[in-house]
């Protein structure tokens, strides 16, 4: 009899933990979508109020969110990774007005742009260079 109570309790505990994990996974999906949708709302507001600089920054942030939501732990083309870096640098250019000049110098050969790389692999390198360069 004690064994049945023990296994029933363990089964309920496992089911509770499974439900908790499902809820946590759902919440982790909702939060990024909420942020993405909020940035799109800000972008729309900026466009309606003729503030193109804010609209561009909001779009860059939205593009980075979209890239992360759609391609977590996946390979993307070098062309898409370059777009991630361009969006990141647009945001940083807004933050650090006239403190640096961003020049992208890459062979835009089709074979380079089609190479598959991990998503957001270059951005941390650029961020580190920017941080230490402005320090």
Protein backbone atom coordinates (compact mmCIF):
# COMPACT_ATOMS: atom_id res chain seq x y z
CA UNK A 1 0.00 0.00 0.00
CA UNK A 2 2.82 2.42 0.82
CA UNK A 3 4.38 1.69 -2.58
CA UNK A 4 1.18 2.71 -4.44
CA UNK A 5 0.98 6.04 -2.60
CA UNK A 6 4.64 6.71 -3.33
CA UNK A 7 4.36 6.01 -7.08
CA UNK A 8 1.11 7.99 -7.35
CA UNK A 9 2.80 10.96 -5.67
CA UNK A 10 5.83 10.67 -7.94
CA UNK A 11 3.61 10.49 -11.03
CA UNK A 12 1.76 13.64 -9.96
CA UNK A 13 5.05 15.40 -9.30
CA UNK A 14 6.41 14.44 -12.74
CA UNK A 15 3.18 15.62 -14.40
CA UNK A 16 3.36 18.92 -12.50
CA UNK A 17 6.98 19.45 -13.59
CA UNK A 18 6.09 18.61 -17.20
CA UNK A 19 3.24 21.16 -17.19
CA UNK A 20 5.51 23.75 -15.58
CA UNK A 21 8.14 23.18 -18.30
CA UNK A 22 5.50 23.54 -21.03
CA UNK A 23 4.28 26.81 -19.52
CA UNK A 24 7.83 28.11 -19.23
CA UNK A 25 8.52 27.22 -22.87
CA UNK A 26 5.34 29.01 -23.96
CA UNK A 27 6.23 32.12 -21.94
CA UNK A 28 9.73 32.19 -23.44
CA UNK A 29 8.11 32.30 -26.90
CA UNK A 30 5.60 35.00 -25.96
CA UNK A 31 8.13 37.46 -24.52
CA UNK A 32 10.25 37.79 -27.71
CA UNK A 33 7.09 38.11 -29.84
CA UNK A 34 5.82 40.80 -27.51
CA UNK A 35 9.09 42.72 -27.88
CA UNK A 36 9.06 42.27 -31.66
CA UNK A 37 5.47 43.50 -31.92
CA UNK A 38 6.23 46.45 -29.63
CA UNK A 39 9.15 47.51 -31.83
CA UNK A 40 6.94 47.27 -34.89
CA UNK A 41 4.39 49.51 -33.15
CA UNK A 42 7.10 52.06 -32.36
CA UNK A 43 8.27 51.91 -35.97
CA UNK A 44 4.74 52.53 -37.24
CA UNK A 45 4.30 55.44 -34.85
CA UNK A 46 7.62 56.95 -35.98
CA UNK A 47 6.63 56.65 -39.64
CA UNK A 48 3.24 58.27 -39.01
CA UNK A 49 4.93 61.11 -37.13
CA UNK A 50 7.67 61.59 -39.73
CA UNK A 51 10.61 60.51 -37.55
CA UNK A 52 12.51 58.29 -40.02
CA UNK A 53 15.60 57.86 -37.82
CA UNK A 54 13.51 56.25 -35.05
CA UNK A 55 11.64 54.18 -37.62
CA UNK A 56 14.96 52.87 -38.99
CA UNK A 57 16.26 51.98 -35.51
CA UNK A 58 13.01 50.23 -34.58
CA UNK A 59 13.14 48.29 -37.85
CA UNK A 60 16.76 47.26 -37.19
CA UNK A 61 15.83 46.01 -33.71
CA UNK A 62 12.80 44.18 -35.15
CA UNK A 63 14.99 42.53 -37.78
CA UNK A 64 17.42 41.31 -35.12
CA UNK A 65 14.52 39.97 -33.03
CA UNK A 66 13.04 38.26 -36.09
CA UNK A 67 16.36 36.67 -36.98
CA UNK A 68 16.77 35.34 -33.45
CA UNK A 69 13.20 34.08 -33.22
CA UNK A 70 13.25 32.27 -36.52
CA UNK A 71 16.76 30.89 -36.55
CA UNK A 72 17.80 30.04 -33.01
CA UNK A 73 20.69 27.55 -33.08
CA UNK A 74 20.47 27.23 -36.87
CA UNK A 75 22.75 28.02 -39.74
CA UNK A 76 21.97 31.05 -41.88
CA UNK A 77 23.54 32.42 -45.05
CA UNK A 78 26.46 34.80 -44.75
CA UNK A 79 24.26 37.34 -46.53
CA UNK A 80 21.71 37.16 -43.67
CA UNK A 81 24.49 37.32 -41.09
CA UNK A 82 25.85 40.45 -42.75
CA UNK A 83 22.33 41.94 -42.51
CA UNK A 84 22.36 41.16 -38.76
CA UNK A 85 25.65 43.04 -38.41
CA UNK A 86 24.35 45.98 -40.46
CA UNK A 87 21.26 46.20 -38.24
CA UNK A 88 23.40 46.02 -35.11
CA UNK A 89 25.70 48.77 -36.39
CA UNK A 90 22.77 50.99 -37.35
CA UNK A 91 21.59 50.80 -33.74
CA UNK A 92 25.09 51.51 -32.41
CA UNK A 93 25.55 54.42 -34.84
CA UNK A 94 22.41 55.94 -33.38
CA UNK A 95 23.69 55.44 -29.82
CA UNK A 96 27.20 56.76 -30.42
CA UNK A 97 26.66 59.66 -32.81
CA UNK A 98 29.89 60.63 -34.63
CA UNK A 99 32.11 58.45 -32.41
CA UNK A 100 32.97 55.96 -35.17
CA UNK A 101 32.49 55.27 -38.84
CA UNK A 102 31.25 51.86 -39.96
CA UNK A 103 32.66 50.58 -43.21
CA UNK A 104 31.73 47.12 -44.43
CA UNK A 105 34.31 45.72 -46.78
CA UNK A 106 33.45 42.22 -47.91
CA UNK A 107 33.70 40.36 -51.15
CA UNK A 108 30.12 40.09 -52.18
CA UNK A 109 30.72 37.09 -54.37
CA UNK A 110 27.80 34.71 -54.50
CA UNK A 111 29.84 31.83 -53.09
CA UNK A 112 30.72 33.94 -50.01
CA UNK A 113 27.16 35.17 -49.47
CA UNK A 114 25.76 31.64 -49.75
CA UNK A 115 28.10 30.15 -47.12
CA UNK A 116 26.16 28.88 -44.12
CA UNK A 117 27.27 30.11 -40.68
CA UNK A 118 25.78 29.98 -37.17
CA UNK A 119 23.23 32.72 -36.57
CA UNK A 120 24.69 35.82 -34.83
CA UNK A 121 28.27 34.48 -35.04
CA UNK A 122 29.80 37.75 -36.26
CA UNK A 123 27.81 40.26 -34.19
CA UNK A 124 29.59 39.47 -30.87
CA UNK A 125 32.96 40.03 -32.58
CA UNK A 126 31.80 43.36 -33.95
CA UNK A 127 30.33 44.29 -30.56
CA UNK A 128 33.62 43.48 -28.84
CA UNK A 129 35.61 45.48 -31.39
CA UNK A 130 33.25 48.43 -30.99
CA UNK A 131 33.34 48.27 -27.21
CA UNK A 132 37.12 48.14 -27.00
CA UNK A 133 37.56 50.60 -29.86
CA UNK A 134 35.42 53.23 -28.11
CA UNK A 135 36.87 52.51 -24.67
